[in-house]
């Protein structure tokens, strides 16, 4: 009988564990707990890693190559953990994502995840949508060219969900872009342009049987026409995890996420660190520390 206090591990919103830190993650599984440091207060706490109370693990990554090559998913599944994969695959843009693998490799990984663990355990993230300019007077570009190619592969693999959001222009994002790539400036399109983009994506994906969800875009959702099928998404989808793996996970919304902006994530325990498990992708728009 599943434990009443069963929990979800989130691995991780703060870094890319499947790409860079699976040996560390497996050490925590073997030890039965993770020591997690709060990103602001620096206080540490212990998060259990055993079954019970852990019932499912939600992984987040832009590169599942090391995860698949190491057979980590099969090892975790054999131990009894339910697995769910958030896979961010954006069209190739060496300016924005300089150190992710070529798109062809990532698409092969997408097929591999769906084949090994089931398409219902994989969510494609087209995230974030970025608008930017090269030079003060350059034309505004975005990172959506080639989305149809990704959608074709996802649909063929049986994936039926895609989550997207628009880049949040935090001050540190602007500073990082200016410091790393002088002459590059991010642009925040007006709401009307964002709505047009969402509706175009919705149409592109609907033709392939893929539903479009948003992450923390509540204001935009309220402006979409009534005929639109775009909905708010939950990146920690506990109802879906229970449908896949059973159990008694809490369906309470996570108080640590941006609920006012429309986040529907359920409670989870994030075990990553911006500093101790750094991400090496070096994405220009990212707020996480890079190696």
Protein backbone atom coordinates (compact mmCIF):
# COMPACT_ATOMS: atom_id res chain seq x y z
CA UNK A 1 0.00 0.00 0.00
CA UNK A 2 1.52 3.38 -0.99
CA UNK A 3 2.41 5.71 1.86
CA UNK A 4 -0.09 8.47 2.61
CA UNK A 5 2.75 11.00 2.73
CA UNK A 6 4.24 9.91 -0.61
CA UNK A 7 6.29 12.66 -2.24
CA UNK A 8 7.63 13.70 -5.63
CA UNK A 9 11.30 14.51 -6.14
CA UNK A 10 11.95 17.31 -8.62
CA UNK A 11 15.36 16.88 -10.24
CA UNK A 12 15.60 19.76 -10.84
CA UNK A 13 14.31 23.24 -11.57
CA UNK A 14 17.69 24.63 -10.49
CA UNK A 15 20.09 22.71 -12.72
CA UNK A 16 20.30 19.96 -15.33
CA UNK A 17 20.84 16.77 -13.34
CA UNK A 18 20.27 14.25 -16.19
CA UNK A 19 22.91 15.96 -18.33
CA UNK A 20 25.59 16.64 -15.71
CA UNK A 21 24.94 15.14 -12.29
CA UNK A 22 23.46 11.63 -12.46
CA UNK A 23 26.36 10.01 -10.53
CA UNK A 24 25.71 12.49 -7.70
CA UNK A 25 21.98 11.81 -7.91
CA UNK A 26 22.45 8.06 -7.73
CA UNK A 27 24.69 8.48 -4.69
CA UNK A 28 21.78 10.22 -2.98
CA UNK A 29 19.43 7.40 -3.97
CA UNK A 30 21.85 4.84 -2.56
CA UNK A 31 22.36 6.86 0.64
CA UNK A 32 18.62 7.20 1.11
CA UNK A 33 18.58 11.02 1.32
CA UNK A 34 19.72 14.25 -0.29
CA UNK A 35 21.16 17.21 1.56
CA UNK A 36 19.54 20.27 0.00
CA UNK A 37 20.64 23.86 0.50
CA UNK A 38 18.09 26.66 0.33
CA UNK A 39 19.15 28.95 -2.57
CA UNK A 40 18.76 32.13 -0.51
CA UNK A 41 19.07 31.37 3.22
CA UNK A 42 21.73 28.67 2.62
CA UNK A 43 20.17 26.54 5.32
CA UNK A 44 20.38 22.82 4.65
CA UNK A 45 17.80 20.11 5.12
CA UNK A 46 17.54 16.43 4.42
CA UNK A 47 15.14 15.20 1.73
CA UNK A 48 14.36 11.47 1.77
CA UNK A 49 15.20 9.44 -1.31
CA UNK A 50 13.80 6.02 -0.38
CA UNK A 51 10.56 4.26 -1.31
CA UNK A 52 8.53 5.12 0.71
CA UNK A 53 8.04 8.04 1.02
CA UNK A 54 9.26 8.90 -2.51
CA UNK A 55 6.84 7.69 -5.13
CA UNK A 56 7.91 9.52 -8.30
CA UNK A 57 10.79 11.53 -9.73
CA UNK A 58 10.30 14.35 -12.21
CA UNK A 59 13.46 14.99 -14.20
CA UNK A 60 14.16 18.24 -16.10
CA UNK A 61 16.77 18.40 -18.85
CA UNK A 62 17.91 19.73 -22.21
CA UNK A 63 20.16 16.73 -22.78
CA UNK A 64 19.12 13.22 -21.77
CA UNK A 65 22.07 11.65 -23.59
CA UNK A 66 24.12 10.81 -20.46
CA UNK A 67 20.97 9.65 -18.66
CA UNK A 68 20.04 7.24 -21.44
CA UNK A 69 23.60 6.04 -22.07
CA UNK A 70 24.09 5.28 -18.39
CA UNK A 71 20.89 3.26 -18.08
CA UNK A 72 19.91 5.32 -15.04
CA UNK A 73 16.21 5.31 -15.85
CA UNK A 74 16.05 1.54 -16.03
CA UNK A 75 17.89 1.26 -12.72
CA UNK A 76 15.49 3.67 -11.03
CA UNK A 77 12.41 2.03 -12.52
CA UNK A 78 13.62 -1.38 -11.37
CA UNK A 79 13.91 0.01 -7.85
CA UNK A 80 10.26 1.06 -8.05
CA UNK A 81 10.40 4.81 -8.70
CA UNK A 82 7.83 6.28 -11.08
CA UNK A 83 9.58 8.46 -13.64
CA UNK A 84 8.43 11.53 -15.53
CA UNK A 85 10.54 13.56 -17.95
CA UNK A 86 10.36 17.27 -18.68
CA UNK A 87 12.41 17.63 -21.87
CA UNK A 88 13.18 21.15 -23.10
CA UNK A 89 13.80 21.03 -26.84
CA UNK A 90 14.03 24.38 -28.60
CA UNK A 91 15.04 24.88 -32.23
CA UNK A 92 18.77 25.23 -32.71
CA UNK A 93 20.13 28.65 -31.80
CA UNK A 94 23.84 28.72 -30.98
CA UNK A 95 23.54 32.27 -29.65
CA UNK A 96 20.92 31.41 -27.05
CA UNK A 97 21.91 27.80 -26.26
CA UNK A 98 25.59 27.48 -27.12
CA UNK A 99 26.36 24.14 -25.46
CA UNK A 100 23.31 21.93 -25.93
CA UNK A 101 23.74 18.96 -28.30
CA UNK A 102 22.71 19.29 -31.95
CA UNK A 103 18.98 19.11 -32.49
CA UNK A 104 19.20 15.76 -34.26
CA UNK A 105 20.75 14.22 -31.13
CA UNK A 106 18.09 15.69 -28.86
CA UNK A 107 15.33 14.43 -31.10
CA UNK A 108 16.87 10.95 -30.98
CA UNK A 109 16.86 11.22 -27.19
CA UNK A 110 13.19 12.19 -27.26
CA UNK A 111 12.39 9.07 -29.25
CA UNK A 112 14.51 7.03 -26.86
CA UNK A 113 12.74 8.27 -23.74
CA UNK A 114 9.32 7.60 -25.24
CA UNK A 115 10.33 4.12 -26.40
CA UNK A 116 11.91 3.10 -23.08
CA UNK A 117 9.53 4.66 -20.56
CA UNK A 118 6.35 5.40 -22.50
CA UNK A 119 5.31 8.54 -24.34
CA UNK A 120 2.85 9.39 -21.56
CA UNK A 121 5.84 9.82 -19.21
CA UNK A 122 7.43 12.52 -21.42
CA UNK A 123 6.47 16.17 -21.73
CA UNK A 124 8.05 18.33 -24.43
CA UNK A 125 8.91 21.85 -23.31
CA UNK A 126 9.31 24.57 -25.94
CA UNK A 127 10.65 26.97 -23.38
CA UNK A 128 11.26 29.83 -23.12
CA UNK A 129 10.14 31.67 -26.23
CA UNK A 130 12.74 34.40 -26.69
CA UNK A 131 12.63 37.59 -28.73
CA UNK A 132 15.93 39.42 -29.16
CA UNK A 133 17.77 41.97 -31.24
CA UNK A 134 21.36 42.06 -32.52
CA UNK A 135 22.54 45.64 -32.24
CA UNK A 136 20.45 48.66 -31.37
CA UNK A 137 18.66 48.78 -34.71
CA UNK A 138 18.68 45.11 -35.71
CA UNK A 139 15.48 43.31 -36.55
CA UNK A 140 13.74 41.40 -33.80
CA UNK A 141 14.33 37.66 -34.02
CA UNK A 142 12.91 34.70 -32.12
CA UNK A 143 13.87 31.11 -31.42
CA UNK A 144 10.84 29.41 -32.95
CA UNK A 145 12.15 28.63 -36.43
CA UNK A 146 12.16 24.87 -36.91
CA UNK A 147 9.48 24.17 -34.30
CA UNK A 148 7.55 22.06 -36.81
CA UNK A 149 10.48 19.65 -37.10
CA UNK A 150 10.43 19.02 -33.36
CA UNK A 151 6.66 18.68 -33.35
CA UNK A 152 6.79 16.08 -36.12
CA UNK A 153 9.21 13.90 -34.16
CA UNK A 154 7.30 14.34 -30.91
CA UNK A 155 4.01 13.39 -32.54
CA UNK A 156 5.55 10.34 -34.20
CA UNK A 157 6.89 9.27 -30.80
CA UNK A 158 3.40 9.48 -29.32
CA UNK A 159 3.95 12.60 -27.22
CA UNK A 160 0.75 14.56 -26.82
CA UNK A 161 1.70 17.50 -24.58
CA UNK A 162 3.86 20.57 -25.07
CA UNK A 163 4.48 23.28 -22.47
CA UNK A 164 5.68 26.77 -23.30
CA UNK A 165 6.27 30.18 -21.75
CA UNK A 166 7.77 33.51 -22.70
CA UNK A 167 11.13 34.68 -21.38
CA UNK A 168 10.87 36.62 -18.11
CA UNK A 169 13.22 39.57 -18.42
CA UNK A 170 14.68 39.63 -14.93
CA UNK A 171 17.44 42.21 -14.39
CA UNK A 172 20.02 39.44 -14.02
CA UNK A 173 18.97 37.96 -17.38
CA UNK A 174 19.56 41.31 -19.06
CA UNK A 175 22.93 41.73 -17.30
CA UNK A 176 24.06 38.25 -18.24
CA UNK A 177 23.18 38.74 -21.90
CA UNK A 178 24.95 42.11 -22.03
CA UNK A 179 28.03 40.69 -20.32
CA UNK A 180 28.36 37.54 -22.37
CA UNK A 181 27.26 38.81 -25.77
CA UNK A 182 27.59 42.58 -26.13
CA UNK A 183 25.17 43.91 -28.69
CA UNK A 184 22.49 41.31 -27.91
CA UNK A 185 19.39 42.59 -26.16
CA UNK A 186 16.25 40.69 -25.25
CA UNK A 187 12.89 42.18 -26.18
CA UNK A 188 9.58 41.80 -24.38
CA UNK A 189 6.91 41.64 -27.09
CA UNK A 190 3.54 43.27 -26.41
CA UNK A 191 0.71 41.00 -25.21
CA UNK A 192 -0.94 41.07 -28.62
CA UNK A 193 2.19 39.64 -30.25
CA UNK A 194 2.48 36.93 -27.59
CA UNK A 195 -1.15 35.93 -28.09
CA UNK A 196 -0.59 35.72 -31.83
CA UNK A 197 2.41 33.45 -31.18
CA UNK A 198 0.43 31.19 -28.84
CA UNK A 199 -2.41 30.82 -31.31
CA UNK A 200 -0.01 30.01 -34.14
CA UNK A 201 1.70 27.38 -31.97
CA UNK A 202 -1.66 25.96 -30.95
CA UNK A 203 -2.64 25.51 -34.59
CA UNK A 204 0.72 23.98 -35.53
CA UNK A 205 0.57 21.46 -32.68
CA UNK A 206 -3.13 20.65 -32.99
CA UNK A 207 -2.53 19.42 -36.52
CA UNK A 208 -0.17 16.86 -35.00
CA UNK A 209 -2.36 15.82 -32.08
CA UNK A 210 -0.35 17.72 -29.47
CA UNK A 211 -2.06 19.89 -26.85
CA UNK A 212 -0.42 23.18 -25.85
CA UNK A 213 -0.04 24.23 -22.21
CA UNK A 214 1.54 27.32 -20.69
CA UNK A 215 3.81 27.75 -17.69
CA UNK A 216 3.06 30.82 -15.53
CA UNK A 217 1.26 32.79 -18.25
CA UNK A 218 -2.06 33.38 -16.51
CA UNK A 219 -2.50 36.93 -17.78
CA UNK A 220 -2.08 35.87 -21.39
CA UNK A 221 -4.44 32.93 -21.01
CA UNK A 222 -7.14 35.33 -19.89
CA UNK A 223 -6.81 37.22 -23.17
CA UNK A 224 -7.05 34.22 -25.50
CA UNK A 225 -10.26 33.79 -27.49
CA UNK A 226 -12.85 31.43 -26.06
CA UNK A 227 -12.27 29.01 -28.94
CA UNK A 228 -8.64 28.43 -27.92
CA UNK A 229 -7.72 25.13 -26.29
CA UNK A 230 -4.47 26.42 -24.72
CA UNK A 231 -4.52 25.77 -20.97
CA UNK A 232 -2.34 26.36 -17.94
CA UNK A 233 -0.01 23.46 -17.23
CA UNK A 234 1.51 21.81 -14.17
CA UNK A 235 5.16 20.88 -14.54
CA UNK A 236 4.80 18.69 -11.45
CA UNK A 237 1.63 16.90 -12.59
CA UNK A 238 0.73 14.77 -9.59
CA UNK A 239 -2.69 13.76 -10.92
CA UNK A 240 -0.99 12.43 -14.05
CA UNK A 241 1.69 10.69 -12.00
CA UNK A 242 -0.97 8.91 -9.94
CA UNK A 243 -2.74 7.88 -13.14
CA UNK A 244 0.55 6.41 -14.40
CA UNK A 245 1.89 4.84 -11.23
CA UNK A 246 -0.86 4.81 -8.63
CA UNK A 247 -0.34 5.99 -5.08
CA UNK A 248 -1.60 8.83 -2.92
CA UNK A 249 0.33 11.92 -3.88
CA UNK A 250 -0.86 15.29 -2.64
CA UNK A 251 -2.68 17.40 -5.21
CA UNK A 252 -2.05 20.60 -3.23
CA UNK A 253 -0.54 23.44 -5.24
CA UNK A 254 3.09 24.21 -4.49
CA UNK A 255 3.26 27.38 -2.36
CA UNK A 256 6.86 27.96 -3.41
CA UNK A 257 5.99 28.50 -7.07
CA UNK A 258 4.45 31.44 -8.93
CA UNK A 259 0.81 30.67 -8.29
CA UNK A 260 -0.29 34.27 -8.93
CA UNK A 261 1.09 33.93 -12.47
CA UNK A 262 -0.85 30.73 -13.10
CA UNK A 263 1.51 27.97 -11.95
CA UNK A 264 -0.45 24.78 -11.28
CA UNK A 265 2.48 22.68 -10.05
CA UNK A 266 1.72 20.29 -7.20
CA UNK A 267 3.94 20.04 -4.16
CA UNK A 268 7.34 18.43 -4.63
CA UNK A 269 10.82 18.39 -3.15
CA UNK A 270 13.45 19.97 -5.42
CA UNK A 271 16.86 18.49 -4.71
CA UNK A 272 19.11 20.50 -7.04
CA UNK A 273 21.41 23.46 -6.38
CA UNK A 274 22.38 26.42 -8.54
CA UNK A 275 25.88 26.38 -7.06
CA UNK A 276 26.72 22.85 -5.92
CA UNK A 277 25.36 21.12 -9.04
CA UNK A 278 26.01 23.68 -11.72
CA UNK A 279 24.58 23.58 -15.22
CA UNK A 280 27.01 23.58 -18.12
CA UNK A 281 24.72 24.54 -21.00
CA UNK A 282 25.53 28.26 -20.77
CA UNK A 283 22.18 29.42 -22.12
CA UNK A 284 22.16 33.16 -22.62
CA UNK A 285 18.71 33.66 -21.09
CA UNK A 286 19.18 31.42 -18.05
CA UNK A 287 19.21 32.61 -14.44
CA UNK A 288 21.08 29.54 -13.14
CA UNK A 289 24.83 29.56 -12.54
CA UNK A 290 26.89 28.08 -15.38
CA UNK A 291 30.10 26.06 -15.26
